[in-house]
Amino acid sequence: NLVSLFERPSILVELVIYLGLGIIWAFPFKFIFKGIGQADPDQTE
């Protein structure tokens, strides 16, 4: 187990890690998020 190889870091280090990973995971899906909520280009008015 990878987690068992390391000691538990301080709470501040954990917080920074979780915040960083919480933001980084979204970058590959950026093009999907940009399209959500925009008008349908095929829709006629």
N, C-alpha and C. Protein backbone atom coordinates (compact mmCIF):
# COMPACT_ATOMS: atom_id res chain seq x y z
N ASN A 1 0.85 -1.18 0.00
CA ASN A 1 0.00 0.00 0.00
C ASN A 1 0.89 1.24 0.00
N LEU A 2 0.65 2.13 -0.90
CA LEU A 2 1.46 3.34 -1.05
C LEU A 2 1.34 4.25 0.16
N VAL A 3 0.15 4.34 0.72
CA VAL A 3 -0.10 5.24 1.85
C VAL A 3 0.68 4.79 3.08
N SER A 4 0.84 3.50 3.27
CA SER A 4 1.52 3.00 4.46
C SER A 4 3.03 3.25 4.42
N LEU A 5 3.57 3.63 3.28
CA LEU A 5 5.01 3.89 3.18
C LEU A 5 5.41 5.23 3.79
N PHE A 6 4.45 6.13 3.97
CA PHE A 6 4.75 7.48 4.45
C PHE A 6 4.03 7.74 5.76
N GLU A 7 4.63 8.61 6.58
CA GLU A 7 3.95 9.07 7.79
C GLU A 7 2.85 10.04 7.37
N ARG A 8 1.89 10.22 8.26
CA ARG A 8 0.81 11.17 7.97
C ARG A 8 1.35 12.59 8.08
N PRO A 9 1.16 13.42 7.04
CA PRO A 9 1.65 14.80 7.10
C PRO A 9 0.78 15.64 8.03
N SER A 10 1.24 16.84 8.31
CA SER A 10 0.46 17.74 9.16
C SER A 10 -0.84 18.11 8.47
N ILE A 11 -1.77 18.61 9.23
CA ILE A 11 -3.10 18.93 8.70
C ILE A 11 -3.02 20.02 7.63
N LEU A 12 -2.09 20.96 7.76
CA LEU A 12 -1.95 22.02 6.75
C LEU A 12 -1.43 21.46 5.44
N VAL A 13 -0.49 20.52 5.52
CA VAL A 13 0.04 19.90 4.30
C VAL A 13 -1.07 19.10 3.62
N GLU A 14 -1.84 18.37 4.41
CA GLU A 14 -2.96 17.62 3.83
C GLU A 14 -3.96 18.56 3.17
N LEU A 15 -4.25 19.67 3.81
CA LEU A 15 -5.20 20.64 3.25
C LEU A 15 -4.71 21.16 1.90
N VAL A 16 -3.44 21.50 1.81
CA VAL A 16 -2.88 22.00 0.56
C VAL A 16 -2.95 20.92 -0.52
N ILE A 17 -2.64 19.69 -0.16
CA ILE A 17 -2.69 18.59 -1.12
C ILE A 17 -4.11 18.40 -1.65
N TYR A 18 -5.07 18.35 -0.75
CA TYR A 18 -6.46 18.13 -1.17
C TYR A 18 -6.99 19.30 -1.99
N LEU A 19 -6.65 20.52 -1.62
CA LEU A 19 -7.09 21.67 -2.40
C LEU A 19 -6.47 21.65 -3.80
N GLY A 20 -5.17 21.34 -3.86
CA GLY A 20 -4.49 21.26 -5.15
C GLY A 20 -5.08 20.19 -6.05
N LEU A 21 -5.28 19.00 -5.50
CA LEU A 21 -5.86 17.92 -6.29
C LEU A 21 -7.31 18.22 -6.67
N GLY A 22 -8.01 18.93 -5.81
CA GLY A 22 -9.39 19.30 -6.10
C GLY A 22 -9.51 20.24 -7.28
N ILE A 23 -8.48 21.02 -7.53
CA ILE A 23 -8.48 21.94 -8.67
C ILE A 23 -7.90 21.26 -9.91
N ILE A 24 -6.82 20.51 -9.73
CA ILE A 24 -6.11 19.91 -10.86
C ILE A 24 -6.95 18.90 -11.63
N TRP A 25 -7.83 18.14 -10.94
CA TRP A 25 -8.60 17.11 -11.64
C TRP A 25 -9.50 17.70 -12.71
N ALA A 26 -9.88 18.96 -12.58
CA ALA A 26 -10.83 19.57 -13.51
C ALA A 26 -10.18 20.02 -14.82
N PHE A 27 -8.88 20.21 -14.86
CA PHE A 27 -8.25 20.73 -16.08
C PHE A 27 -8.46 19.85 -17.31
N PRO A 28 -8.40 18.52 -17.23
CA PRO A 28 -8.68 17.73 -18.44
C PRO A 28 -10.11 17.88 -18.95
N PHE A 29 -11.04 18.29 -18.08
CA PHE A 29 -12.44 18.42 -18.46
C PHE A 29 -12.83 19.86 -18.77
N LYS A 30 -11.85 20.73 -18.90
CA LYS A 30 -12.10 22.16 -19.09
C LYS A 30 -12.96 22.42 -20.33
N PHE A 31 -12.70 21.70 -21.42
CA PHE A 31 -13.47 21.93 -22.65
C PHE A 31 -14.93 21.53 -22.47
N ILE A 32 -15.21 20.57 -21.60
CA ILE A 32 -16.60 20.18 -21.34
C ILE A 32 -17.30 21.26 -20.54
N PHE A 33 -16.61 21.77 -19.51
CA PHE A 33 -17.20 22.79 -18.65
C PHE A 33 -17.49 24.08 -19.42
N LYS A 34 -16.66 24.39 -20.41
CA LYS A 34 -16.86 25.62 -21.18
C LYS A 34 -18.13 25.54 -22.02
N GLY A 35 -18.52 24.33 -22.43
CA GLY A 35 -19.69 24.16 -23.27
C GLY A 35 -21.00 24.09 -22.50
N ILE A 36 -20.92 23.80 -21.21
CA ILE A 36 -22.13 23.67 -20.40
C ILE A 36 -22.72 25.06 -20.15
N GLY A 37 -24.01 25.18 -20.34
CA GLY A 37 -24.69 26.43 -20.06
C GLY A 37 -24.72 27.41 -21.22
N GLN A 38 -24.14 27.05 -22.34
CA GLN A 38 -24.18 27.93 -23.51
C GLN A 38 -25.39 27.57 -24.37
N ALA A 39 -25.80 28.50 -25.18
CA ALA A 39 -26.95 28.28 -26.05
C ALA A 39 -26.64 27.18 -27.07
N ASP A 40 -27.67 26.45 -27.46
CA ASP A 40 -27.54 25.40 -28.46
C ASP A 40 -27.36 26.05 -29.83
N PRO A 41 -26.25 25.79 -30.52
CA PRO A 41 -26.00 26.44 -31.81
C PRO A 41 -26.96 25.96 -32.90
N ASP A 42 -27.59 24.78 -32.72
CA ASP A 42 -28.50 24.24 -33.73
C ASP A 42 -29.94 24.69 -33.52
N GLN A 43 -30.21 25.35 -32.42
CA GLN A 43 -31.57 25.75 -32.09
C GLN A 43 -31.98 26.97 -32.92
N THR A 44 -33.18 26.91 -33.51
CA THR A 44 -33.70 28.07 -34.24
C THR A 44 -34.60 28.87 -33.31
N GLU A 45 -34.57 30.16 -33.49
CA GLU A 45 -35.34 31.02 -32.58
C GLU A 45 -36.75 31.19 -33.00
